[in-house]
N, C-alpha and C. Protein backbone atom coordinates (compact mmCIF):
# COMPACT_ATOMS: atom_id res chain seq x y z
N MET A 1 169.98 -40.90 -117.72
CA MET A 1 170.21 -41.77 -116.62
C MET A 1 169.14 -42.87 -116.62
N GLU A 2 169.55 -44.08 -116.31
CA GLU A 2 168.64 -45.23 -116.26
C GLU A 2 167.77 -45.12 -115.01
N THR A 3 166.46 -45.20 -115.18
CA THR A 3 165.56 -45.07 -114.04
C THR A 3 164.79 -46.35 -113.74
N SER A 4 164.92 -47.38 -114.57
CA SER A 4 164.20 -48.62 -114.31
C SER A 4 164.97 -49.46 -113.29
N ILE A 5 164.23 -50.28 -112.58
CA ILE A 5 164.83 -51.15 -111.57
C ILE A 5 164.93 -52.55 -112.15
N SER A 6 166.10 -53.14 -112.02
CA SER A 6 166.30 -54.47 -112.59
C SER A 6 165.47 -55.51 -111.85
N PRO A 7 165.07 -56.57 -112.54
CA PRO A 7 164.31 -57.64 -111.89
C PRO A 7 165.06 -58.23 -110.70
N ASN A 8 166.39 -58.27 -110.79
CA ASN A 8 167.19 -58.80 -109.69
C ASN A 8 167.03 -57.94 -108.44
N LEU A 9 167.05 -56.62 -108.60
CA LEU A 9 166.88 -55.74 -107.44
C LEU A 9 165.48 -55.85 -106.86
N ILE A 10 164.50 -56.01 -107.70
CA ILE A 10 163.12 -56.19 -107.22
C ILE A 10 163.02 -57.47 -106.39
N ALA A 11 163.64 -58.54 -106.87
CA ALA A 11 163.62 -59.81 -106.14
C ALA A 11 164.33 -59.68 -104.79
N ILE A 12 165.45 -58.98 -104.77
CA ILE A 12 166.17 -58.77 -103.51
C ILE A 12 165.29 -58.00 -102.53
N GLY A 13 164.62 -56.97 -103.01
CA GLY A 13 163.72 -56.19 -102.16
C GLY A 13 162.58 -57.02 -101.61
N GLN A 14 162.03 -57.89 -102.42
CA GLN A 14 160.93 -58.75 -101.97
C GLN A 14 161.41 -59.72 -100.90
N ARG A 15 162.59 -60.30 -101.11
CA ARG A 15 163.14 -61.22 -100.10
C ARG A 15 163.44 -60.48 -98.80
N ALA A 16 163.92 -59.25 -98.91
CA ALA A 16 164.21 -58.44 -97.71
C ALA A 16 162.93 -58.16 -96.93
N ARG A 17 161.86 -57.87 -97.63
CA ARG A 17 160.57 -57.60 -96.97
C ARG A 17 160.09 -58.84 -96.21
N VAL A 18 160.20 -60.01 -96.83
CA VAL A 18 159.79 -61.25 -96.17
C VAL A 18 160.67 -61.49 -94.94
N ALA A 19 161.97 -61.30 -95.09
CA ALA A 19 162.89 -61.50 -93.96
C ALA A 19 162.59 -60.53 -92.83
N ALA A 20 162.28 -59.29 -93.15
CA ALA A 20 161.97 -58.28 -92.12
C ALA A 20 160.74 -58.70 -91.31
N ARG A 21 159.75 -59.23 -91.98
CA ARG A 21 158.54 -59.68 -91.27
C ARG A 21 158.87 -60.83 -90.31
N LYS A 22 159.71 -61.75 -90.76
CA LYS A 22 160.10 -62.87 -89.90
C LYS A 22 160.93 -62.38 -88.71
N LEU A 23 161.87 -61.47 -88.97
CA LEU A 23 162.71 -60.93 -87.90
C LEU A 23 161.89 -60.18 -86.86
N ALA A 24 160.86 -59.50 -87.29
CA ALA A 24 160.03 -58.71 -86.36
C ALA A 24 159.36 -59.60 -85.32
N ARG A 25 159.15 -60.86 -85.63
CA ARG A 25 158.47 -61.78 -84.71
C ARG A 25 159.42 -62.47 -83.74
N LEU A 26 160.73 -62.30 -83.93
CA LEU A 26 161.70 -62.96 -83.06
C LEU A 26 161.84 -62.22 -81.73
N SER A 27 162.27 -62.95 -80.72
CA SER A 27 162.49 -62.32 -79.41
C SER A 27 163.74 -61.43 -79.46
N THR A 28 163.81 -60.53 -78.50
CA THR A 28 164.98 -59.65 -78.41
C THR A 28 166.24 -60.46 -78.21
N ALA A 29 166.18 -61.50 -77.40
CA ALA A 29 167.36 -62.33 -77.14
C ALA A 29 167.87 -62.98 -78.43
N VAL A 30 166.97 -63.47 -79.24
CA VAL A 30 167.36 -64.11 -80.50
C VAL A 30 167.97 -63.08 -81.44
N LYS A 31 167.36 -61.90 -81.51
CA LYS A 31 167.89 -60.84 -82.38
C LYS A 31 169.26 -60.38 -81.91
N ASN A 32 169.44 -60.26 -80.59
CA ASN A 32 170.74 -59.86 -80.06
C ASN A 32 171.80 -60.90 -80.37
N GLN A 33 171.46 -62.17 -80.26
CA GLN A 33 172.43 -63.23 -80.57
C GLN A 33 172.78 -63.20 -82.06
N ALA A 34 171.81 -62.94 -82.90
CA ALA A 34 172.07 -62.84 -84.34
C ALA A 34 173.03 -61.69 -84.63
N LEU A 35 172.84 -60.55 -83.96
CA LEU A 35 173.75 -59.42 -84.15
C LEU A 35 175.16 -59.75 -83.70
N LEU A 36 175.29 -60.46 -82.58
CA LEU A 36 176.61 -60.88 -82.12
C LEU A 36 177.27 -61.83 -83.13
N ASN A 37 176.48 -62.72 -83.71
CA ASN A 37 177.01 -63.64 -84.72
C ASN A 37 177.49 -62.89 -85.95
N VAL A 38 176.73 -61.88 -86.37
CA VAL A 38 177.12 -61.07 -87.53
C VAL A 38 178.41 -60.32 -87.22
N ALA A 39 178.50 -59.74 -86.03
CA ALA A 39 179.71 -59.00 -85.64
C ALA A 39 180.93 -59.92 -85.65
N ARG A 40 180.78 -61.13 -85.14
CA ARG A 40 181.89 -62.09 -85.13
C ARG A 40 182.30 -62.46 -86.55
N ALA A 41 181.32 -62.69 -87.41
CA ALA A 41 181.62 -63.04 -88.80
C ALA A 41 182.33 -61.89 -89.50
N MET A 42 181.92 -60.66 -89.21
CA MET A 42 182.58 -59.50 -89.82
C MET A 42 184.03 -59.39 -89.35
N GLU A 43 184.27 -59.64 -88.06
CA GLU A 43 185.64 -59.62 -87.54
C GLU A 43 186.49 -60.67 -88.24
N GLU A 44 185.94 -61.87 -88.38
CA GLU A 44 186.68 -62.97 -89.00
C GLU A 44 186.95 -62.72 -90.48
N SER A 45 186.10 -61.94 -91.12
CA SER A 45 186.22 -61.67 -92.56
C SER A 45 186.78 -60.29 -92.85
N GLN A 46 187.34 -59.63 -91.85
CA GLN A 46 187.76 -58.24 -91.99
C GLN A 46 188.70 -58.03 -93.17
N GLY A 47 189.67 -58.90 -93.35
CA GLY A 47 190.62 -58.75 -94.46
C GLY A 47 189.92 -58.79 -95.81
N GLU A 48 189.03 -59.74 -95.98
CA GLU A 48 188.30 -59.86 -97.24
C GLU A 48 187.39 -58.66 -97.48
N ILE A 49 186.74 -58.20 -96.41
CA ILE A 49 185.85 -57.04 -96.53
C ILE A 49 186.63 -55.81 -96.95
N LEU A 50 187.79 -55.58 -96.31
CA LEU A 50 188.59 -54.40 -96.63
C LEU A 50 189.16 -54.48 -98.04
N LEU A 51 189.54 -55.67 -98.48
CA LEU A 51 190.05 -55.84 -99.84
C LEU A 51 188.95 -55.52 -100.86
N ALA A 52 187.76 -56.04 -100.65
CA ALA A 52 186.64 -55.76 -101.55
C ALA A 52 186.30 -54.27 -101.53
N ASN A 53 186.39 -53.65 -100.36
CA ASN A 53 186.11 -52.22 -100.26
C ASN A 53 187.12 -51.40 -101.04
N ARG A 54 188.38 -51.80 -101.01
CA ARG A 54 189.40 -51.08 -101.79
C ARG A 54 189.07 -51.13 -103.28
N ARG A 55 188.61 -52.30 -103.74
CA ARG A 55 188.23 -52.42 -105.16
C ARG A 55 187.04 -51.51 -105.46
N ASP A 56 186.05 -51.50 -104.57
CA ASP A 56 184.87 -50.63 -104.76
C ASP A 56 185.28 -49.16 -104.76
N TYR A 57 186.18 -48.80 -103.86
CA TYR A 57 186.63 -47.41 -103.75
C TYR A 57 187.32 -46.98 -105.04
N LYS A 58 188.21 -47.82 -105.54
CA LYS A 58 188.91 -47.50 -106.80
C LYS A 58 187.92 -47.37 -107.95
N ALA A 59 186.93 -48.26 -107.98
CA ALA A 59 185.90 -48.17 -109.04
C ALA A 59 185.12 -46.87 -108.90
N GLY A 60 184.84 -46.47 -107.67
CA GLY A 60 184.15 -45.21 -107.44
C GLY A 60 184.96 -44.01 -107.89
N GLN A 61 186.27 -44.06 -107.65
CA GLN A 61 187.15 -42.99 -108.13
C GLN A 61 187.10 -42.91 -109.65
N GLN A 62 187.21 -44.06 -110.29
CA GLN A 62 187.21 -44.10 -111.75
C GLN A 62 185.87 -43.65 -112.32
N ALA A 63 184.80 -43.88 -111.57
CA ALA A 63 183.46 -43.48 -112.03
C ALA A 63 183.20 -42.00 -111.77
N GLY A 64 184.12 -41.34 -111.07
CA GLY A 64 183.97 -39.91 -110.83
C GLY A 64 183.09 -39.53 -109.65
N LEU A 65 182.98 -40.42 -108.66
CA LEU A 65 182.20 -40.09 -107.48
C LEU A 65 182.84 -38.90 -106.76
N THR A 66 182.01 -38.12 -106.09
CA THR A 66 182.52 -36.97 -105.34
C THR A 66 183.32 -37.44 -104.14
N GLU A 67 184.14 -36.53 -103.60
CA GLU A 67 184.93 -36.87 -102.41
C GLU A 67 184.02 -37.25 -101.25
N ALA A 68 182.88 -36.59 -101.12
CA ALA A 68 181.95 -36.91 -100.03
C ALA A 68 181.43 -38.35 -100.16
N LEU A 69 181.08 -38.75 -101.37
CA LEU A 69 180.60 -40.13 -101.57
C LEU A 69 181.72 -41.13 -101.36
N LEU A 70 182.91 -40.79 -101.84
CA LEU A 70 184.05 -41.69 -101.65
C LEU A 70 184.36 -41.86 -100.16
N ASP A 71 184.25 -40.77 -99.40
CA ASP A 71 184.51 -40.86 -97.97
C ASP A 71 183.50 -41.79 -97.30
N ARG A 72 182.24 -41.71 -97.70
CA ARG A 72 181.21 -42.60 -97.14
C ARG A 72 181.47 -44.05 -97.53
N LEU A 73 182.04 -44.26 -98.69
CA LEU A 73 182.31 -45.61 -99.18
C LEU A 73 183.51 -46.24 -98.47
N LEU A 74 184.49 -45.42 -98.11
CA LEU A 74 185.75 -45.94 -97.60
C LEU A 74 185.61 -46.60 -96.23
N LEU A 75 186.07 -47.83 -96.15
CA LEU A 75 186.13 -48.55 -94.88
C LEU A 75 187.59 -48.67 -94.45
N ASN A 76 187.81 -48.66 -93.15
CA ASN A 76 189.11 -49.02 -92.59
C ASN A 76 188.81 -49.84 -91.34
N ARG A 77 189.83 -50.29 -90.66
CA ARG A 77 189.60 -51.16 -89.50
C ARG A 77 188.75 -50.47 -88.43
N GLU A 78 188.98 -49.16 -88.23
CA GLU A 78 188.23 -48.44 -87.21
C GLU A 78 186.75 -48.33 -87.59
N ARG A 79 186.48 -48.00 -88.83
CA ARG A 79 185.08 -47.87 -89.27
C ARG A 79 184.38 -49.22 -89.23
N LEU A 80 185.10 -50.25 -89.60
CA LEU A 80 184.50 -51.59 -89.60
C LEU A 80 184.20 -52.04 -88.18
N ALA A 81 185.03 -51.64 -87.24
CA ALA A 81 184.84 -52.04 -85.84
C ALA A 81 183.73 -51.25 -85.15
N ALA A 82 183.35 -50.12 -85.73
CA ALA A 82 182.38 -49.24 -85.05
C ALA A 82 180.98 -49.78 -85.03
């Protein structure tokens, strides 16, 4: 099994750390508004998200993921709305 982390993943992690520090300094009101904006964007993109999830799910099946992992991967409208 491959145990090294790709440079791309390292860069993503570094950017996430910087973003987390910036977010920590924001007011609760600003963070709440950002969450509402994300929720709205997810609602508007629900069809695209579910289509991409179906592709990921099929790839997971082909890769031999366990039923438990596949269940965690599977999105539907109810799970997306939760």
